[in-house]
Amino acid sequence: MKVAGFFEGPSDRLSIPTLMQKLRDDLKIEKRQVPAGDMLAPRKMRAHVGPLLVLHPDIERILIFRDCECTEPESLYKDARLVLKLLKDSFPKVKTSFVIVVHALESWLMGDPAAVEAVLGADAAKGLPANPESECRPKECLERLAPNFDYMRDDPRLAERADARSILSKCPSFRVVRTGLS
């Protein structure tokens, strides 16, 4: 299945597709990085999606990944629904999902303590919160636990080692990805 993923930053663009592949190994993913503000602006997202679908008319699904970073996810859903409605009306053949990442990619990556231990060390893994989505600034949490943590280097390494089942069990927002790929 061919999907398009829209991501906020370079780390997300490098890491989230790896996690997506762990949920469904038959994926071919077209990756796009767009500003976070565009993700909640219906017309701007349509302007990103339209040309992509012209280049890749075989895309079946679109997933838009937006961090909520210390904001309640529910506060973003109103705008997300408007984006989804316009995209559905504009591109009815493509299933579109909006994934609010609670609170950021590093929350999901903290959902697998074994991967954290393998990449960042046992001390970092021991200090992980029981609920990774309770950390509104998970990148800062990992920086405290592992002083040498570099998200551009370590996020992709964590994603590569991560077990999707562990993340699914600890991070409800990651379940939206699984639903969007089914």
N, C-alpha and C. Protein backbone atom coordinates (compact mmCIF):
# COMPACT_ATOMS: atom_id res chain seq x y z
N MET A 1 0.85 -1.17 0.00
CA MET A 1 0.00 0.00 0.00
C MET A 1 0.89 1.24 0.00
N LYS A 2 0.48 2.23 -0.77
CA LYS A 2 1.23 3.48 -0.83
C LYS A 2 0.50 4.54 0.00
N VAL A 3 1.26 5.17 0.90
CA VAL A 3 0.71 6.20 1.77
C VAL A 3 1.58 7.44 1.68
N ALA A 4 0.99 8.55 2.06
CA ALA A 4 1.74 9.80 2.20
C ALA A 4 1.75 10.17 3.67
N GLY A 5 2.91 10.55 4.15
CA GLY A 5 3.04 11.02 5.52
C GLY A 5 3.51 12.46 5.52
N PHE A 6 2.78 13.29 6.25
CA PHE A 6 3.15 14.70 6.41
C PHE A 6 3.65 14.88 7.84
N PHE A 7 4.89 15.39 7.96
CA PHE A 7 5.57 15.47 9.24
C PHE A 7 6.01 16.89 9.52
N GLU A 8 6.12 17.23 10.81
CA GLU A 8 6.52 18.58 11.22
C GLU A 8 8.00 18.88 11.03
N GLY A 9 8.83 17.94 11.41
CA GLY A 9 10.26 18.24 11.41
C GLY A 9 11.08 17.10 10.85
N PRO A 10 12.37 17.36 10.70
CA PRO A 10 13.24 16.35 10.08
C PRO A 10 13.36 15.06 10.91
N SER A 11 13.37 15.17 12.22
CA SER A 11 13.45 13.98 13.05
C SER A 11 12.20 13.11 12.88
N ASP A 12 11.04 13.76 12.84
CA ASP A 12 9.78 13.02 12.61
C ASP A 12 9.82 12.34 11.24
N ARG A 13 10.28 13.08 10.26
CA ARG A 13 10.33 12.55 8.89
C ARG A 13 11.26 11.36 8.78
N LEU A 14 12.31 11.34 9.58
CA LEU A 14 13.25 10.22 9.58
C LEU A 14 12.77 9.03 10.40
N SER A 15 12.00 9.28 11.46
CA SER A 15 11.69 8.24 12.44
C SER A 15 10.29 7.65 12.34
N ILE A 16 9.29 8.48 12.14
CA ILE A 16 7.92 7.97 12.14
C ILE A 16 7.68 6.96 11.02
N PRO A 17 8.21 7.15 9.81
CA PRO A 17 8.01 6.10 8.79
C PRO A 17 8.55 4.73 9.23
N THR A 18 9.63 4.71 9.98
CA THR A 18 10.15 3.44 10.50
C THR A 18 9.13 2.80 11.42
N LEU A 19 8.51 3.60 12.27
CA LEU A 19 7.47 3.07 13.17
C LEU A 19 6.25 2.61 12.37
N MET A 20 5.90 3.34 11.33
CA MET A 20 4.77 2.94 10.48
C MET A 20 5.03 1.57 9.85
N GLN A 21 6.24 1.36 9.37
CA GLN A 21 6.61 0.08 8.75
C GLN A 21 6.47 -1.07 9.74
N LYS A 22 6.68 -0.80 11.01
CA LYS A 22 6.54 -1.85 12.02
C LYS A 22 5.08 -2.24 12.23
N LEU A 23 4.18 -1.35 11.88
CA LEU A 23 2.76 -1.66 11.99
C LEU A 23 2.23 -2.37 10.74
N ARG A 24 2.85 -2.08 9.63
CA ARG A 24 2.41 -2.67 8.37
C ARG A 24 3.60 -2.68 7.41
N ASP A 25 4.12 -3.86 7.15
CA ASP A 25 5.37 -3.95 6.40
C ASP A 25 5.23 -3.83 4.89
N ASP A 26 4.01 -3.73 4.38
CA ASP A 26 3.82 -3.60 2.93
C ASP A 26 3.70 -2.15 2.48
N LEU A 27 4.16 -1.21 3.29
CA LEU A 27 4.00 0.21 2.99
C LEU A 27 5.10 0.74 2.08
N LYS A 28 4.68 1.59 1.18
CA LYS A 28 5.59 2.48 0.47
C LYS A 28 5.15 3.87 0.91
N ILE A 29 6.08 4.66 1.45
CA ILE A 29 5.71 5.93 2.08
C ILE A 29 6.34 7.10 1.34
N GLU A 30 5.50 8.01 0.90
CA GLU A 30 5.96 9.30 0.38
C GLU A 30 5.99 10.26 1.57
N LYS A 31 7.15 10.82 1.86
CA LYS A 31 7.35 11.65 3.05
C LYS A 31 7.41 13.12 2.66
N ARG A 32 6.68 13.92 3.41
CA ARG A 32 6.72 15.37 3.20
C ARG A 32 6.82 16.06 4.55
N GLN A 33 7.63 17.09 4.61
CA GLN A 33 7.75 17.91 5.81
C GLN A 33 7.04 19.22 5.53
N VAL A 34 6.13 19.58 6.43
CA VAL A 34 5.39 20.83 6.28
C VAL A 34 5.37 21.56 7.62
N PRO A 35 5.26 22.87 7.61
CA PRO A 35 5.19 23.62 8.87
C PRO A 35 3.98 23.20 9.69
N ALA A 36 4.18 23.18 11.01
CA ALA A 36 3.10 22.77 11.91
C ALA A 36 1.84 23.61 11.70
N GLY A 37 2.00 24.90 11.47
CA GLY A 37 0.84 25.76 11.25
C GLY A 37 0.04 25.38 10.02
N ASP A 38 0.71 24.94 8.98
CA ASP A 38 0.02 24.52 7.76
C ASP A 38 -0.88 23.31 8.02
N MET A 39 -0.46 22.46 8.95
CA MET A 39 -1.21 21.23 9.20
C MET A 39 -2.62 21.48 9.71
N LEU A 40 -2.82 22.62 10.35
CA LEU A 40 -4.14 22.95 10.89
C LEU A 40 -4.87 23.97 10.02
N ALA A 41 -4.35 24.25 8.84
CA ALA A 41 -4.96 25.20 7.92
C ALA A 41 -5.48 24.42 6.70
N PRO A 42 -6.80 24.24 6.61
CA PRO A 42 -7.35 23.39 5.54
C PRO A 42 -6.85 23.71 4.14
N ARG A 43 -6.86 24.96 3.75
CA ARG A 43 -6.45 25.31 2.38
C ARG A 43 -4.96 25.07 2.15
N LYS A 44 -4.16 25.32 3.18
CA LYS A 44 -2.72 25.07 3.03
C LYS A 44 -2.45 23.57 2.89
N MET A 45 -3.16 22.76 3.66
CA MET A 45 -2.95 21.32 3.52
C MET A 45 -3.43 20.82 2.16
N ARG A 46 -4.53 21.37 1.68
CA ARG A 46 -4.98 20.99 0.34
C ARG A 46 -3.92 21.37 -0.70
N ALA A 47 -3.26 22.49 -0.49
CA ALA A 47 -2.20 22.92 -1.42
C ALA A 47 -0.98 22.00 -1.34
N HIS A 48 -0.75 21.37 -0.22
CA HIS A 48 0.34 20.39 -0.11
C HIS A 48 -0.07 19.05 -0.71
N VAL A 49 -1.30 18.64 -0.47
CA VAL A 49 -1.76 17.31 -0.89
C VAL A 49 -2.01 17.25 -2.40
N GLY A 50 -2.62 18.27 -2.96
CA GLY A 50 -2.99 18.24 -4.38
C GLY A 50 -1.84 17.89 -5.31
N PRO A 51 -0.74 18.64 -5.27
CA PRO A 51 0.39 18.34 -6.15
C PRO A 51 0.99 16.95 -5.89
N LEU A 52 0.99 16.54 -4.64
CA LEU A 52 1.53 15.22 -4.31
C LEU A 52 0.71 14.11 -4.98
N LEU A 53 -0.62 14.27 -4.97
CA LEU A 53 -1.48 13.27 -5.60
C LEU A 53 -1.37 13.28 -7.12
N VAL A 54 -1.01 14.42 -7.69
CA VAL A 54 -0.77 14.47 -9.14
C VAL A 54 0.48 13.67 -9.46
N LEU A 55 1.53 13.83 -8.65
CA LEU A 55 2.78 13.10 -8.86
C LEU A 55 2.65 11.61 -8.52
N HIS A 56 1.80 11.31 -7.55
CA HIS A 56 1.66 9.94 -7.05
C HIS A 56 0.17 9.58 -6.96
N PRO A 57 -0.49 9.36 -8.08
CA PRO A 57 -1.93 9.08 -8.05
C PRO A 57 -2.27 7.73 -7.40
N ASP A 58 -1.27 6.90 -7.12
CA ASP A 58 -1.52 5.61 -6.48
C ASP A 58 -1.52 5.68 -4.96
N ILE A 59 -1.39 6.87 -4.38
CA ILE A 59 -1.47 7.01 -2.92
C ILE A 59 -2.90 6.69 -2.48
N GLU A 60 -3.00 5.78 -1.51
CA GLU A 60 -4.30 5.35 -1.00
C GLU A 60 -4.70 6.04 0.30
N ARG A 61 -3.68 6.40 1.10
CA ARG A 61 -3.96 6.99 2.40
C ARG A 61 -2.98 8.12 2.67
N ILE A 62 -3.48 9.08 3.43
CA ILE A 62 -2.65 10.20 3.88
C ILE A 62 -2.74 10.25 5.39
N LEU A 63 -1.60 10.37 6.04
CA LEU A 63 -1.54 10.56 7.48
C LEU A 63 -0.79 11.85 7.76
N ILE A 64 -1.41 12.70 8.54
CA ILE A 64 -0.82 13.99 8.92
C ILE A 64 -0.45 13.88 10.40
N PHE A 65 0.82 14.06 10.71
CA PHE A 65 1.32 13.90 12.08
C PHE A 65 1.62 15.26 12.68
N ARG A 66 0.90 15.62 13.71
CA ARG A 66 1.05 16.94 14.36
C ARG A 66 1.29 16.74 15.85
N ASP A 67 2.40 17.26 16.36
CA ASP A 67 2.67 17.22 17.79
C ASP A 67 1.72 18.17 18.51
N CYS A 68 1.35 17.80 19.75
CA CYS A 68 0.53 18.74 20.52
C CYS A 68 1.35 19.47 21.58
N GLU A 69 2.54 18.99 21.91
CA GLU A 69 3.48 19.64 22.81
C GLU A 69 2.84 20.56 23.85
N CYS A 70 2.48 19.97 24.98
CA CYS A 70 1.95 20.69 26.14
C CYS A 70 0.59 21.33 25.90
N THR A 71 -0.05 20.99 24.82
CA THR A 71 -1.40 21.45 24.54
C THR A 71 -2.30 20.22 24.62
N GLU A 72 -3.48 20.39 25.17
CA GLU A 72 -4.42 19.26 25.21
C GLU A 72 -4.79 18.88 23.78
N PRO A 73 -4.68 17.60 23.43
CA PRO A 73 -4.97 17.17 22.06
C PRO A 73 -6.36 17.60 21.58
N GLU A 74 -7.32 17.58 22.49
CA GLU A 74 -8.70 17.94 22.11
C GLU A 74 -8.79 19.34 21.53
N SER A 75 -7.90 20.23 21.97
CA SER A 75 -7.95 21.60 21.47
C SER A 75 -7.52 21.69 20.01
N LEU A 76 -6.81 20.68 19.51
CA LEU A 76 -6.38 20.68 18.11
C LEU A 76 -7.38 19.96 17.20
N TYR A 77 -8.23 19.14 17.78
CA TYR A 77 -9.14 18.34 16.96
C TYR A 77 -10.14 19.15 16.16
N LYS A 78 -10.58 20.30 16.68
CA LYS A 78 -11.53 21.12 15.92
C LYS A 78 -10.93 21.52 14.58
N ASP A 79 -9.72 22.07 14.62
CA ASP A 79 -9.05 22.46 13.37
C ASP A 79 -8.72 21.24 12.52
N ALA A 80 -8.33 20.16 13.18
CA ALA A 80 -8.00 18.93 12.43
C ALA A 80 -9.23 18.42 11.67
N ARG A 81 -10.39 18.49 12.29
CA ARG A 81 -11.63 18.05 11.61
C ARG A 81 -11.91 18.89 10.36
N LEU A 82 -11.63 20.18 10.44
CA LEU A 82 -11.83 21.05 9.27
C LEU A 82 -10.87 20.67 8.14
N VAL A 83 -9.64 20.35 8.50
CA VAL A 83 -8.66 19.91 7.49
C VAL A 83 -9.13 18.60 6.86
N LEU A 84 -9.53 17.66 7.69
CA LEU A 84 -9.99 16.36 7.18
C LEU A 84 -11.19 16.51 6.26
N LYS A 85 -12.13 17.38 6.63
CA LYS A 85 -13.32 17.57 5.81
C LYS A 85 -12.96 18.13 4.44
N LEU A 86 -12.12 19.16 4.40
CA LEU A 86 -11.74 19.74 3.11
C LEU A 86 -10.97 18.73 2.26
N LEU A 87 -10.07 17.98 2.87
CA LEU A 87 -9.31 16.99 2.11
C LEU A 87 -10.22 15.88 1.59
N LYS A 88 -11.18 15.45 2.41
CA LYS A 88 -12.12 14.42 1.96
C LYS A 88 -12.97 14.93 0.80
N ASP A 89 -13.44 16.16 0.91
CA ASP A 89 -14.25 16.75 -0.17
C ASP A 89 -13.42 16.95 -1.44
N SER A 90 -12.17 17.33 -1.28
CA SER A 90 -11.30 17.62 -2.42
C SER A 90 -10.72 16.35 -3.07
N PHE A 91 -10.46 15.34 -2.24
CA PHE A 91 -9.81 14.12 -2.72
C PHE A 91 -10.55 12.90 -2.16
N PRO A 92 -11.77 12.66 -2.63
CA PRO A 92 -12.63 11.63 -2.01
C PRO A 92 -12.11 10.20 -2.12
N LYS A 93 -11.21 9.94 -3.03
CA LYS A 93 -10.71 8.57 -3.19
C LYS A 93 -9.60 8.21 -2.21
N VAL A 94 -9.11 9.18 -1.47
CA VAL A 94 -7.97 8.96 -0.57
C VAL A 94 -8.45 9.07 0.88
N LYS A 95 -8.17 8.05 1.66
CA LYS A 95 -8.50 8.06 3.09
C LYS A 95 -7.45 8.90 3.82
N THR A 96 -7.90 9.87 4.60
CA THR A 96 -7.00 10.76 5.31
C THR A 96 -7.21 10.65 6.81
N SER A 97 -6.12 10.58 7.55
CA SER A 97 -6.16 10.53 9.01
C SER A 97 -5.27 11.64 9.56
N PHE A 98 -5.71 12.21 10.66
CA PHE A 98 -4.95 13.23 11.36
C PHE A 98 -4.48 12.60 12.66
N VAL A 99 -3.18 12.54 12.87
CA VAL A 99 -2.62 11.91 14.06
C VAL A 99 -2.06 13.01 14.96
N ILE A 100 -2.71 13.20 16.11
CA ILE A 100 -2.18 14.13 17.11
C ILE A 100 -1.19 13.33 17.95
N VAL A 101 0.09 13.66 17.84
CA VAL A 101 1.14 12.96 18.57
C VAL A 101 1.20 13.56 19.97
N VAL A 102 0.89 12.76 20.97
CA VAL A 102 0.86 13.24 22.36
C VAL A 102 2.17 12.84 23.03
N HIS A 103 2.97 13.74 23.31
CA HIS A 103 3.05 15.17 23.05
C HIS A 103 4.01 15.43 21.88
N ALA A 104 4.90 14.49 21.66
CA ALA A 104 5.84 14.58 20.54
C ALA A 104 6.38 13.17 20.29
N LEU A 105 7.09 13.02 19.19
CA LEU A 105 7.64 11.72 18.80
C LEU A 105 8.37 11.02 19.94
N GLU A 106 9.12 11.76 20.72
CA GLU A 106 9.89 11.14 21.79
C GLU A 106 9.00 10.46 22.83
N SER A 107 7.74 10.89 22.96
CA SER A 107 6.80 10.16 23.84
C SER A 107 6.66 8.74 23.35
N TRP A 108 6.41 8.59 22.05
CA TRP A 108 6.26 7.25 21.49
C TRP A 108 7.54 6.45 21.68
N LEU A 109 8.69 7.07 21.45
CA LEU A 109 9.95 6.35 21.55
C LEU A 109 10.23 5.90 22.98
N MET A 110 9.77 6.67 23.96
CA MET A 110 9.92 6.27 25.36
C MET A 110 8.98 5.11 25.71
N GLY A 111 8.07 4.78 24.81
CA GLY A 111 7.14 3.68 25.04
C GLY A 111 7.78 2.31 24.97
N ASP A 112 9.02 2.23 24.55
CA ASP A 112 9.74 0.95 24.53
C ASP A 112 11.02 1.09 25.35
N PRO A 113 10.95 0.74 26.64
CA PRO A 113 12.12 0.86 27.51
C PRO A 113 13.32 0.04 27.02
N ALA A 114 13.08 -1.10 26.39
CA ALA A 114 14.20 -1.92 25.90
C ALA A 114 14.97 -1.18 24.81
N ALA A 115 14.27 -0.49 23.94
CA ALA A 115 14.94 0.29 22.89
C ALA A 115 15.71 1.45 23.52
N VAL A 116 15.11 2.11 24.50
CA VAL A 116 15.79 3.22 25.18
C VAL A 116 17.06 2.71 25.85
N GLU A 117 16.97 1.56 26.50
CA GLU A 117 18.16 1.00 27.15
C GLU A 117 19.25 0.68 26.13
N ALA A 118 18.86 0.08 25.01
CA ALA A 118 19.84 -0.30 23.99
C ALA A 118 20.54 0.91 23.37
N VAL A 119 19.79 2.00 23.20
CA VAL A 119 20.35 3.17 22.51
C VAL A 119 20.95 4.19 23.49
N LEU A 120 20.27 4.42 24.60
CA LEU A 120 20.68 5.50 25.51
C LEU A 120 21.25 5.01 26.84
N GLY A 121 21.13 3.72 27.12
CA GLY A 121 21.70 3.17 28.34
C GLY A 121 20.67 2.82 29.40
N ALA A 122 21.13 1.97 30.33
CA ALA A 122 20.24 1.46 31.38
C ALA A 122 19.73 2.57 32.29
N ASP A 123 20.57 3.54 32.60
CA ASP A 123 20.13 4.63 33.50
C ASP A 123 18.98 5.41 32.88
N ALA A 124 19.07 5.67 31.60
CA ALA A 124 17.98 6.39 30.92
C ALA A 124 16.70 5.56 30.97
N ALA A 125 16.80 4.28 30.71
CA ALA A 125 15.61 3.42 30.69
C ALA A 125 14.97 3.35 32.07
N LYS A 126 15.78 3.31 33.13
CA LYS A 126 15.25 3.23 34.50
C LYS A 126 14.46 4.47 34.88
N GLY A 127 14.81 5.60 34.31
CA GLY A 127 14.14 6.85 34.66
C GLY A 127 12.92 7.19 33.84
N LEU A 128 12.53 6.32 32.91
CA LEU A 128 11.39 6.62 32.03
C LEU A 128 10.08 6.71 32.81
N PRO A 129 9.22 7.63 32.43
CA PRO A 129 7.92 7.71 33.09
C PRO A 129 7.07 6.49 32.73
N ALA A 130 6.22 6.07 33.66
CA ALA A 130 5.33 4.93 33.41
C ALA A 130 4.39 5.23 32.24
N ASN A 131 3.96 6.49 32.15
CA ASN A 131 3.09 6.92 31.05
C ASN A 131 3.86 7.93 30.20
N PRO A 132 4.44 7.49 29.08
CA PRO A 132 5.26 8.41 28.28
C PRO A 132 4.49 9.63 27.77
N GLU A 133 3.17 9.49 27.59
CA GLU A 133 2.39 10.61 27.08
C GLU A 133 2.06 11.63 28.17
N SER A 134 2.51 11.39 29.40
CA SER A 134 2.30 12.36 30.47
C SER A 134 3.37 13.45 30.45
N GLU A 135 4.46 13.22 29.72
CA GLU A 135 5.55 14.20 29.60
C GLU A 135 5.24 15.18 28.49
N CYS A 136 4.96 16.43 28.84
CA CYS A 136 4.58 17.36 27.78
C CYS A 136 5.78 17.81 26.94
N ARG A 137 6.98 17.62 27.44
CA ARG A 137 8.20 17.91 26.68
C ARG A 137 9.11 16.67 26.74
N PRO A 138 8.72 15.64 25.99
CA PRO A 138 9.46 14.37 26.09
C PRO A 138 10.91 14.46 25.61
N LYS A 139 11.20 15.35 24.69
CA LYS A 139 12.58 15.50 24.24
C LYS A 139 13.44 15.97 25.42
N GLU A 140 12.93 16.92 26.19
CA GLU A 140 13.67 17.41 27.35
C GLU A 140 13.81 16.32 28.41
N CYS A 141 12.80 15.47 28.53
CA CYS A 141 12.88 14.35 29.47
C CYS A 141 14.04 13.43 29.08
N LEU A 142 14.14 13.09 27.80
CA LEU A 142 15.24 12.23 27.35
C LEU A 142 16.59 12.92 27.51
N GLU A 143 16.64 14.23 27.33
CA GLU A 143 17.89 14.97 27.53
C GLU A 143 18.32 14.93 29.00
N ARG A 144 17.35 14.95 29.91
CA ARG A 144 17.68 14.85 31.34
C ARG A 144 18.17 13.43 31.68
N LEU A 145 17.52 12.43 31.11
CA LEU A 145 17.86 11.04 31.42
C LEU A 145 19.16 10.60 30.76
N ALA A 146 19.45 11.15 29.59
CA ALA A 146 20.65 10.78 28.84
C ALA A 146 21.30 12.07 28.34
N PRO A 147 22.22 12.64 29.09
CA PRO A 147 22.80 13.94 28.74
C PRO A 147 23.39 14.01 27.33
N ASN A 148 23.77 12.89 26.75
CA ASN A 148 24.31 12.91 25.39
C ASN A 148 23.23 12.71 24.32
N PHE A 149 21.98 12.70 24.73
CA PHE A 149 20.87 12.50 23.79
C PHE A 149 20.87 13.60 22.73
N ASP A 150 20.82 13.20 21.48
CA ASP A 150 20.72 14.11 20.34
C ASP A 150 19.56 13.60 19.50
N TYR A 151 18.46 14.32 19.49
CA TYR A 151 17.25 13.81 18.85
C TYR A 151 17.44 13.50 17.37
N MET A 152 18.24 14.27 16.66
CA MET A 152 18.43 13.99 15.23
C MET A 152 19.20 12.68 15.02
N ARG A 153 20.09 12.37 15.90
CA ARG A 153 20.85 11.11 15.79
C ARG A 153 20.08 9.96 16.44
N ASP A 154 19.52 10.22 17.63
CA ASP A 154 18.98 9.12 18.44
C ASP A 154 17.52 8.77 18.14
N ASP A 155 16.71 9.71 17.71
CA ASP A 155 15.32 9.35 17.39
C ASP A 155 15.25 8.26 16.32
N PRO A 156 15.97 8.38 15.21
CA PRO A 156 15.92 7.30 14.21
C PRO A 156 16.46 5.97 14.75
N ARG A 157 17.48 6.04 15.59
CA ARG A 157 18.03 4.81 16.18
C ARG A 157 17.01 4.16 17.12
N LEU A 158 16.33 4.97 17.90
CA LEU A 158 15.29 4.44 18.79
C LEU A 158 14.13 3.84 17.98
N ALA A 159 13.73 4.53 16.93
CA ALA A 159 12.63 4.03 16.09
C ALA A 159 13.00 2.69 15.46
N GLU A 160 14.24 2.56 15.04
CA GLU A 160 14.69 1.31 14.42
C GLU A 160 14.61 0.14 15.39
N ARG A 161 14.95 0.37 16.63
CA ARG A 161 14.95 -0.69 17.64
C ARG A 161 13.59 -0.90 18.31
N ALA A 162 12.72 0.06 18.20
CA ALA A 162 11.45 0.04 18.94
C ALA A 162 10.55 -1.13 18.55
N ASP A 163 9.84 -1.61 19.54
CA ASP A 163 8.83 -2.64 19.34
C ASP A 163 7.47 -1.93 19.31
N ALA A 164 6.79 -2.01 18.19
CA ALA A 164 5.51 -1.31 18.03
C ALA A 164 4.49 -1.76 19.06
N ARG A 165 4.51 -3.03 19.45
CA ARG A 165 3.54 -3.52 20.45
C ARG A 165 3.72 -2.82 21.77
N SER A 166 4.96 -2.58 22.16
CA SER A 166 5.22 -1.87 23.41
C SER A 166 4.70 -0.44 23.33
N ILE A 167 4.96 0.22 22.22
CA ILE A 167 4.48 1.60 22.05
C ILE A 167 2.95 1.63 22.04
N LEU A 168 2.33 0.70 21.34
CA LEU A 168 0.87 0.64 21.30
C LEU A 168 0.28 0.46 22.69
N SER A 169 0.95 -0.31 23.52
CA SER A 169 0.41 -0.57 24.86
C SER A 169 0.53 0.63 25.79
N LYS A 170 1.48 1.52 25.53
CA LYS A 170 1.72 2.65 26.43
C LYS A 170 1.30 4.00 25.88
N CYS A 171 1.09 4.09 24.58
CA CYS A 171 0.83 5.39 23.94
C CYS A 171 -0.45 5.33 23.11
N PRO A 172 -1.58 5.71 23.69
CA PRO A 172 -2.84 5.66 22.95
C PRO A 172 -2.82 6.45 21.64
N SER A 173 -2.06 7.54 21.58
CA SER A 173 -2.06 8.32 20.33
C SER A 173 -1.39 7.55 19.19
N PHE A 174 -0.52 6.60 19.50
CA PHE A 174 0.12 5.79 18.46
C PHE A 174 -0.89 4.83 17.82
N ARG A 175 -1.94 4.49 18.55
CA ARG A 175 -2.97 3.58 18.00
C ARG A 175 -3.68 4.20 16.81
N VAL A 176 -3.72 5.52 16.75
CA VAL A 176 -4.35 6.21 15.62
C VAL A 176 -3.58 5.91 14.33
N VAL A 177 -2.28 5.74 14.43
CA VAL A 177 -1.47 5.39 13.27
C VAL A 177 -1.90 4.01 12.75
N ARG A 178 -2.02 3.06 13.66
CA ARG A 178 -2.44 1.71 13.27
C ARG A 178 -3.81 1.76 12.59
N THR A 179 -4.73 2.51 13.15
CA THR A 179 -6.06 2.64 12.56
C THR A 179 -5.99 3.29 11.18
N GLY A 180 -5.16 4.32 11.06
CA GLY A 180 -5.03 5.01 9.77
C GLY A 180 -4.42 4.16 8.68
N LEU A 181 -3.71 3.12 9.06
CA LEU A 181 -3.07 2.23 8.08
C LEU A 181 -3.90 0.99 7.78
N SER A 182 -5.03 0.86 8.46
CA SER A 182 -5.84 -0.35 8.23
C SER A 182 -6.95 -0.11 7.24
